């Protein structure tokens, strides 16, 4: 996918087209964003809907002014992220009932890790990781993001300002894909071993729509390409150990995109496919950020060791830690109960009347046809943890 700043890789900057922006690039990118009509239109639709309808140029001018005011003097990535942090704090305060972090204190404060986590929400999963690091006075992560989300130049700019780097999913042809993965693998390895900069990436491509978290071994294979290219004799386990892979498990009591995920699964089951609308990824991101999440838990695991022999073994170890660290909330048990599955798993749970009322109120808003899919999303983690999934 080409991008309008057309950064090409050079020997001195081999990852120019995929890496996050650097401090010296921030001012130019922000100036470009403050004039980007697509971004300004999106902002006005969101913040000034009526003005955007009857006086689009005026609405855009106001948005441009607001953007310039917000970013005035932001001339480094850290400074840009600090501006975002206040919004993040407010979002967590207003849309989550509790946010618990465990396991981070067992990791070196200045060590670089490759956090690899379950994937439930496009932007929240890494945002909560960043928030936990920010609270602990640690540096934020570089975030792996699929190029399928970057159909708009302004989205690419915003993501790369926020320390995202681009994972190719749309490269055409086998050779192009392999070259893209080699570049990506080398960048990730360089970030961890040379830059000493942590990374977050999802354990699979695309979110877990059915509540079943599973690591794709192909991702592990990609991660080791660089190590094996630089040293043909390197043992697989060593290639894994140097990346300091730390499984991360995030659990949401309620998923703001649960109905949309249920719709997707329903369409695939009934029509054989699901048609994504043009702004769907963006609206999923907005829904995730602004929607009610209930309680959220983030659990950092322990680094995967050098005793691994295959990508499948690594994937299984990540799964073990992610599932082990996954927190089951009353919503999960109530969904299992509503489906009439595995009653013995529900029987001894402390579920308050308030939990039940909240759950029923949410379920009431789900169209009948989507209910089985909606409930399965919440029930599957209970079955997964208990080893009762019949895939």
Protein backbone atom coordinates (compact mmCIF):
# COMPACT_ATOMS: atom_id res chain seq x y z
CA UNK A 1 0.00 0.00 0.00
CA UNK A 2 1.48 3.33 -0.93
CA UNK A 3 1.28 6.25 1.40
CA UNK A 4 1.30 9.89 0.47
CA UNK A 5 4.57 10.72 2.16
CA UNK A 6 6.14 8.06 -0.08
CA UNK A 7 8.95 7.34 2.34
CA UNK A 8 11.22 4.82 0.69
CA UNK A 9 13.63 2.60 2.50
CA UNK A 10 17.27 3.57 2.23
CA UNK A 11 20.32 1.81 3.70
CA UNK A 12 20.37 4.40 6.51
CA UNK A 13 16.61 4.06 7.10
CA UNK A 14 15.65 0.53 5.96
CA UNK A 15 12.18 0.62 7.52
CA UNK A 16 11.11 4.12 6.42
CA UNK A 17 7.86 2.92 4.82
CA UNK A 18 6.64 0.86 7.80
CA UNK A 19 8.14 2.28 11.00
CA UNK A 20 6.52 4.80 13.34
CA UNK A 21 7.34 8.46 12.76
CA UNK A 22 10.44 9.84 14.46
CA UNK A 23 10.62 13.04 16.48
CA UNK A 24 12.06 15.13 13.65
CA UNK A 25 9.08 14.19 11.45
CA UNK A 26 6.34 15.04 13.95
CA UNK A 27 5.92 18.78 13.22
CA UNK A 28 5.49 18.24 9.45
CA UNK A 29 3.02 15.38 9.90
CA UNK A 30 0.94 17.39 12.38
CA UNK A 31 0.90 20.40 10.05
CA UNK A 32 -0.29 18.12 7.23
CA UNK A 33 -3.02 16.64 9.45
CA UNK A 34 -4.34 20.05 10.47
CA UNK A 35 -5.04 20.71 6.76
CA UNK A 36 -6.35 17.24 5.86
CA UNK A 37 -9.96 17.65 4.69
CA UNK A 38 -10.84 13.99 5.20
CA UNK A 39 -9.71 14.11 8.83
CA UNK A 40 -11.44 17.47 9.38
CA UNK A 41 -14.67 16.10 7.85
CA UNK A 42 -14.50 13.03 10.09
CA UNK A 43 -13.95 15.21 13.17
CA UNK A 44 -16.84 17.54 12.32
CA UNK A 45 -19.21 14.62 11.69
CA UNK A 46 -18.33 13.43 15.17
CA UNK A 47 -18.14 16.71 17.11
CA UNK A 48 -20.16 19.27 15.10
CA UNK A 49 -22.75 17.16 13.25
CA UNK A 50 -25.25 19.95 12.58
CA UNK A 51 -22.71 22.53 11.47
CA UNK A 52 -21.05 19.85 9.29
CA UNK A 53 -24.37 19.41 7.47
CA UNK A 54 -25.25 23.04 6.71
CA UNK A 55 -21.84 24.74 6.56
CA UNK A 56 -19.10 22.19 5.87
CA UNK A 57 -16.34 24.77 5.11
CA UNK A 58 -17.02 26.62 8.37
CA UNK A 59 -17.12 23.35 10.33
CA UNK A 60 -13.79 22.30 8.77
CA UNK A 61 -12.21 25.69 9.58
CA UNK A 62 -13.28 25.35 13.22
CA UNK A 63 -11.95 21.77 13.38
CA UNK A 64 -8.66 22.84 11.79
CA UNK A 65 -8.31 25.61 14.37
CA UNK A 66 -9.08 23.17 17.21
CA UNK A 67 -6.57 20.62 15.89
CA UNK A 68 -3.86 23.28 15.63
CA UNK A 69 -4.61 24.46 19.17
CA UNK A 70 -4.42 20.91 20.55
CA UNK A 71 -1.10 20.11 18.87
CA UNK A 72 0.63 23.47 19.32
CA UNK A 73 4.19 22.86 20.43
CA UNK A 74 3.95 19.06 20.14
CA UNK A 75 7.28 18.42 18.46
CA UNK A 76 8.09 14.90 19.61
CA UNK A 77 6.32 11.54 19.65
CA UNK A 78 6.35 11.54 23.45
CA UNK A 79 4.80 15.01 23.57
CA UNK A 80 2.10 13.92 21.09
CA UNK A 81 1.35 10.84 23.22
CA UNK A 82 1.16 12.94 26.38
CA UNK A 83 -1.57 15.00 24.69
CA UNK A 84 -3.48 11.77 23.99
CA UNK A 85 -2.91 10.46 27.53
CA UNK A 86 -5.36 12.90 29.12
CA UNK A 87 -8.11 11.68 26.75
CA UNK A 88 -7.17 8.10 27.55
CA UNK A 89 -7.45 8.74 31.29
CA UNK A 90 -10.87 10.32 30.79
CA UNK A 91 -12.05 7.44 28.59
CA UNK A 92 -11.03 4.88 31.21
CA UNK A 93 -12.70 6.88 33.97
CA UNK A 94 -15.98 7.27 32.10
CA UNK A 95 -16.34 3.91 30.31
CA UNK A 96 -14.77 1.34 32.65
CA UNK A 97 -15.74 0.45 36.20
CA UNK A 98 -12.30 -0.85 37.15
CA UNK A 99 -8.96 -1.45 35.45
CA UNK A 100 -6.66 -3.99 37.10
CA UNK A 101 -3.11 -4.73 36.02
CA UNK A 102 -1.11 -7.72 37.22
CA UNK A 103 2.30 -9.17 36.38
CA UNK A 104 3.95 -5.97 35.12
CA UNK A 105 5.97 -5.60 38.33
CA UNK A 106 7.75 -8.90 37.56
CA UNK A 107 9.22 -7.52 34.30
CA UNK A 108 12.43 -5.41 34.14
CA UNK A 109 11.65 -1.72 34.22
CA UNK A 110 14.06 -0.95 31.40
CA UNK A 111 13.84 -4.23 29.48
CA UNK A 112 12.34 -4.35 25.98
CA UNK A 113 9.65 -6.99 25.48
CA UNK A 114 7.56 -8.24 22.61
CA UNK A 115 4.11 -8.25 24.20
CA UNK A 116 1.88 -10.62 22.29
CA UNK A 117 -1.73 -10.62 23.35
CA UNK A 118 -5.24 -11.81 22.71
CA UNK A 119 -7.08 -9.54 20.30
CA UNK A 120 -10.56 -8.34 21.16
CA UNK A 121 -10.54 -4.66 20.20
CA UNK A 122 -8.71 -2.86 17.38
CA UNK A 123 -7.40 0.08 19.39
CA UNK A 124 -8.18 -0.67 23.04
CA UNK A 125 -6.01 -3.76 23.44
CA UNK A 126 -2.74 -1.86 22.85
CA UNK A 127 -4.17 1.33 24.41
CA UNK A 128 -4.73 -0.42 27.75
CA UNK A 129 -1.20 -1.89 27.56
CA UNK A 130 0.13 1.63 26.97
CA UNK A 131 -1.97 3.02 29.79
CA UNK A 132 -0.64 0.38 32.21
CA UNK A 133 2.94 1.21 31.16
CA UNK A 134 2.25 4.95 31.44
CA UNK A 135 0.88 4.48 34.98
CA UNK A 136 3.98 2.49 35.92
CA UNK A 137 6.24 5.23 34.54
CA UNK A 138 7.50 3.02 31.70
CA UNK A 139 7.92 3.79 28.03
CA UNK A 140 4.94 3.05 25.76
CA UNK A 141 5.06 0.31 23.13
CA UNK A 142 5.38 0.34 19.37
CA UNK A 143 2.16 -1.15 18.02
CA UNK A 144 1.82 -3.59 15.11
CA UNK A 145 -1.13 -2.56 12.93
CA UNK A 146 -2.45 -4.25 9.78
CA UNK A 147 -2.37 -2.16 6.60
CA UNK A 148 -6.02 -3.12 6.02
CA UNK A 149 -6.89 -0.50 8.65
CA UNK A 150 -4.95 2.19 6.85
CA UNK A 151 -7.15 2.94 3.87
CA UNK A 152 -7.09 6.67 4.65
CA UNK A 153 -3.80 8.60 4.68
CA UNK A 154 -4.80 10.57 7.78
CA UNK A 155 -5.44 7.32 9.69
CA UNK A 156 -1.96 6.10 8.73
CA UNK A 157 -0.46 9.40 9.90
CA UNK A 158 -2.27 9.32 13.24
CA UNK A 159 -1.35 5.70 13.88
CA UNK A 160 2.33 6.22 13.00
CA UNK A 161 2.48 9.30 15.24
CA UNK A 162 1.16 7.03 18.00
CA UNK A 163 4.12 4.65 17.54
CA UNK A 164 2.38 2.17 15.23
CA UNK A 165 4.27 0.28 12.54
CA UNK A 166 2.69 -1.33 9.53
CA UNK A 167 2.08 -5.06 9.10
CA UNK A 168 1.55 -5.95 5.44
CA UNK A 169 -1.61 -7.91 4.73
CA UNK A 170 -2.37 -6.64 1.27
CA UNK A 171 0.94 -7.26 -0.52
CA UNK A 172 0.15 -8.98 -3.83
CA UNK A 173 1.92 -12.19 -4.77
CA UNK A 174 4.11 -14.60 -2.87
CA UNK A 175 7.44 -12.86 -3.43
CA UNK A 176 6.15 -9.44 -2.44
CA UNK A 177 4.61 -10.93 0.68
CA UNK A 178 7.81 -12.72 1.68
CA UNK A 179 9.90 -9.56 1.17
CA UNK A 180 7.40 -7.58 3.25
CA UNK A 181 7.53 -10.15 6.06
CA UNK A 182 11.33 -10.20 6.01
CA UNK A 183 11.36 -6.42 6.39
CA UNK A 184 8.79 -6.59 9.19
CA UNK A 185 10.64 -9.36 11.02
CA UNK A 186 13.92 -7.43 10.81
CA UNK A 187 12.25 -4.28 12.13
CA UNK A 188 10.72 -6.09 15.13
CA UNK A 189 14.01 -7.76 15.98
CA UNK A 190 15.88 -4.46 15.63
CA UNK A 191 13.36 -2.70 17.89
CA UNK A 192 13.73 -5.26 20.68
CA UNK A 193 17.45 -6.08 20.49
CA UNK A 194 19.01 -2.79 19.27
CA UNK A 195 16.58 0.05 20.07
CA UNK A 196 15.53 -1.65 23.32
CA UNK A 197 11.98 -0.57 22.55
CA UNK A 198 9.00 -2.77 23.50
CA UNK A 199 6.36 -3.82 20.98
CA UNK A 200 2.73 -4.93 21.21
CA UNK A 201 1.22 -7.24 18.64
CA UNK A 202 -1.88 -9.41 18.41
CA UNK A 203 -1.62 -13.20 18.63
CA UNK A 204 -3.56 -13.52 15.37
CA UNK A 205 -4.73 -11.51 12.39
CA UNK A 206 -8.14 -9.98 13.12
CA UNK A 207 -10.07 -9.87 16.37
CA UNK A 208 -11.45 -12.98 18.09
CA UNK A 209 -15.10 -12.54 17.14
CA UNK A 210 -16.32 -15.69 18.91
CA UNK A 211 -14.49 -15.18 22.21
CA UNK A 212 -11.94 -17.90 21.45
CA UNK A 213 -8.35 -16.67 21.80
CA UNK A 214 -5.77 -18.62 19.78
CA UNK A 215 -2.25 -17.81 18.62
CA UNK A 216 -1.48 -18.25 14.93
CA UNK A 217 1.85 -20.13 14.58
CA UNK A 218 2.45 -18.28 11.26
CA UNK A 219 3.06 -15.11 13.27
CA UNK A 220 5.73 -16.89 15.32
CA UNK A 221 7.33 -18.14 12.10
CA UNK A 222 7.42 -14.58 10.73
CA UNK A 223 9.05 -13.31 13.93
CA UNK A 224 11.99 -15.69 13.58
CA UNK A 225 12.76 -14.97 9.90
CA UNK A 226 15.19 -12.14 10.72
CA UNK A 227 17.18 -14.11 13.26
CA UNK A 228 17.52 -17.07 10.91
CA UNK A 229 18.50 -14.77 8.01
CA UNK A 230 21.30 -13.15 9.99
CA UNK A 231 22.59 -16.42 11.43
CA UNK A 232 21.73 -19.62 9.57
CA UNK A 233 22.91 -21.77 12.48
CA UNK A 234 20.84 -19.99 15.11
CA UNK A 235 18.72 -22.41 17.10
CA UNK A 236 14.99 -21.74 16.92
CA UNK A 237 14.78 -21.42 20.71
CA UNK A 238 17.48 -18.72 20.73
CA UNK A 239 15.66 -16.78 18.02
CA UNK A 240 12.59 -16.83 20.28
CA UNK A 241 14.46 -16.03 23.50
CA UNK A 242 16.14 -12.89 22.12
CA UNK A 243 12.71 -11.40 21.27
CA UNK A 244 11.61 -11.70 24.93
CA UNK A 245 8.04 -12.69 24.05
CA UNK A 246 5.65 -11.92 26.88
CA UNK A 247 2.06 -13.15 26.55
CA UNK A 248 -0.53 -10.55 27.59
CA UNK A 249 -4.12 -11.36 28.44
CA UNK A 250 -6.84 -8.71 28.36
CA UNK A 251 -10.35 -9.40 29.60
CA UNK A 252 -13.34 -7.10 29.16
CA UNK A 253 -16.48 -7.62 31.21
CA UNK A 254 -18.40 -6.18 28.25
CA UNK A 255 -17.21 -5.74 24.66
CA UNK A 256 -18.49 -2.49 23.10
CA UNK A 257 -18.43 -4.18 19.66
CA UNK A 258 -20.19 -7.39 20.74
CA UNK A 259 -23.34 -6.86 18.64
CA UNK A 260 -21.35 -5.96 15.53
CA UNK A 261 -19.21 -9.10 15.97
CA UNK A 262 -22.38 -11.20 16.41
CA UNK A 263 -23.77 -9.69 13.18
CA UNK A 264 -20.60 -10.65 11.32
CA UNK A 265 -20.72 -14.26 12.55
CA UNK A 266 -24.46 -14.45 11.79
CA UNK A 267 -23.94 -13.19 8.23
CA UNK A 268 -21.12 -15.66 7.61
CA UNK A 269 -23.30 -18.51 8.89
CA UNK A 270 -26.45 -17.52 6.99
CA UNK A 271 -25.11 -15.87 3.80
CA UNK A 272 -21.65 -17.40 3.60
CA UNK A 273 -19.89 -14.05 3.83
CA UNK A 274 -19.88 -10.68 5.54
CA UNK A 275 -19.70 -7.37 3.68
CA UNK A 276 -17.76 -4.69 5.53
CA UNK A 277 -18.89 -1.11 5.05
CA UNK A 278 -16.39 1.61 4.11
CA UNK A 279 -16.07 3.23 7.53
CA UNK A 280 -16.59 0.10 9.58
CA UNK A 281 -13.08 -0.22 11.01
CA UNK A 282 -13.13 3.43 12.04
CA UNK A 283 -16.59 3.07 13.61
CA UNK A 284 -15.41 -0.06 15.47
CA UNK A 285 -12.50 1.96 16.85
CA UNK A 286 -14.82 4.78 17.95
CA UNK A 287 -17.35 2.30 19.42
CA UNK A 288 -14.58 0.53 21.33
CA UNK A 289 -13.23 3.74 22.82
CA UNK A 290 -16.57 5.33 23.73
CA UNK A 291 -18.58 2.20 24.64
CA UNK A 292 -19.16 0.77 28.11
CA UNK A 293 -16.63 -1.90 29.06
CA UNK A 294 -17.50 -2.68 32.67
CA UNK A 295 -14.42 -4.05 34.41
CA UNK A 296 -11.19 -4.64 32.51
CA UNK A 297 -8.22 -6.75 33.55
CA UNK A 298 -4.80 -6.79 31.95
CA UNK A 299 -2.38 -9.53 32.87
CA UNK A 300 1.28 -9.63 31.82
CA UNK A 301 2.76 -13.12 31.63
CA UNK A 302 6.35 -14.34 31.82
CA UNK A 303 8.86 -14.37 28.92
CA UNK A 304 8.77 -17.45 26.70
CA UNK A 305 12.04 -19.34 27.14
CA UNK A 306 14.67 -20.73 24.77
CA UNK A 307 13.45 -24.30 25.35
CA UNK A 308 10.98 -24.03 22.47
CA UNK A 309 11.57 -26.12 19.35
CA UNK A 310 8.77 -25.14 16.94
CA UNK A 311 6.36 -22.28 16.19
CA UNK A 312 3.51 -24.55 17.30
CA UNK A 313 5.13 -25.01 20.72
CA UNK A 314 5.52 -21.25 21.14
CA UNK A 315 1.91 -20.68 20.08
CA UNK A 316 0.75 -23.29 22.60
CA UNK A 317 2.74 -21.62 25.39
CA UNK A 318 1.27 -18.19 24.53
CA UNK A 319 -2.22 -19.75 24.52
CA UNK A 320 -1.56 -21.39 27.89
CA UNK A 321 -0.60 -18.05 29.44
CA UNK A 322 -3.34 -16.02 27.73
CA UNK A 323 -6.10 -18.46 28.71
CA UNK A 324 -4.59 -18.93 32.19
CA UNK A 325 -4.48 -15.16 32.70
CA UNK A 326 -7.94 -14.49 31.29
CA UNK A 327 -10.33 -13.20 33.92
CA UNK A 328 -13.87 -14.52 33.84
CA UNK A 329 -16.51 -11.97 34.82
CA UNK A 330 -20.17 -12.54 35.77
CA UNK A 331 -21.09 -11.66 32.15
CA UNK A 332 -19.24 -14.78 30.98
CA UNK A 333 -21.04 -17.11 33.39
CA UNK A 334 -24.44 -15.52 32.77
CA UNK A 335 -24.03 -16.07 29.03
CA UNK A 336 -23.18 -19.71 29.65
CA UNK A 337 -26.26 -20.00 31.85
CA UNK A 338 -28.47 -18.37 29.20
CA UNK A 339 -27.25 -20.91 26.64
CA UNK A 340 -27.99 -23.76 29.08
CA UNK A 341 -24.43 -25.07 28.63
CA UNK A 342 -22.23 -26.66 31.30
CA UNK A 343 -24.41 -25.68 34.32
CA UNK A 344 -21.80 -27.07 36.72
CA UNK A 345 -19.36 -24.34 35.59
CA UNK A 346 -21.90 -21.66 36.57
CA UNK A 347 -23.26 -23.20 39.77
CA UNK A 348 -20.80 -21.93 42.36
CA UNK A 349 -20.22 -18.43 41.01
CA UNK A 350 -20.92 -15.35 43.07
CA UNK A 351 -23.25 -13.42 40.80
CA UNK A 352 -25.04 -10.42 42.29
CA UNK A 353 -28.51 -9.21 41.39
CA UNK A 354 -26.89 -6.10 39.95
CA UNK A 355 -24.66 -8.24 37.67
CA UNK A 356 -27.73 -10.07 36.44
CA UNK A 357 -29.69 -6.87 35.80
CA UNK A 358 -26.85 -5.31 33.81
CA UNK A 359 -26.45 -8.46 31.77
CA UNK A 360 -30.16 -8.78 31.03
CA UNK A 361 -30.39 -5.10 30.07
CA UNK A 362 -27.59 -5.58 27.53
CA UNK A 363 -29.02 -8.82 26.21
CA UNK A 364 -32.40 -7.14 25.75
CA UNK A 365 -30.82 -4.82 23.19
CA UNK A 366 -29.54 -7.70 21.05
CA UNK A 367 -31.76 -8.72 18.07
CA UNK A 368 -33.13 -12.26 18.52
CA UNK A 369 -31.33 -13.72 15.50
CA UNK A 370 -27.96 -12.52 16.83
CA UNK A 371 -28.41 -13.72 20.41
CA UNK A 372 -26.80 -17.16 20.06
CA UNK A 373 -23.68 -15.53 18.56
CA UNK A 374 -23.66 -12.74 21.14
CA UNK A 375 -23.96 -15.21 24.02
CA UNK A 376 -21.30 -17.55 22.59
CA UNK A 377 -18.74 -14.70 22.60
CA UNK A 378 -19.13 -14.41 26.35
CA UNK A 379 -19.61 -18.10 27.13
CA UNK A 380 -16.68 -19.47 25.11
CA UNK A 381 -13.92 -18.11 27.40
CA UNK A 382 -15.44 -20.08 30.32
CA UNK A 383 -15.46 -23.26 28.25
CA UNK A 384 -11.98 -22.52 26.87
CA UNK A 385 -10.52 -22.09 30.36
CA UNK A 386 -12.21 -25.30 31.53
CA UNK A 387 -10.95 -27.19 28.47
CA UNK A 388 -14.51 -27.79 27.21
CA UNK A 389 -14.39 -26.15 23.79
CA UNK A 390 -15.60 -28.44 21.04
CA UNK A 391 -14.07 -26.77 18.00
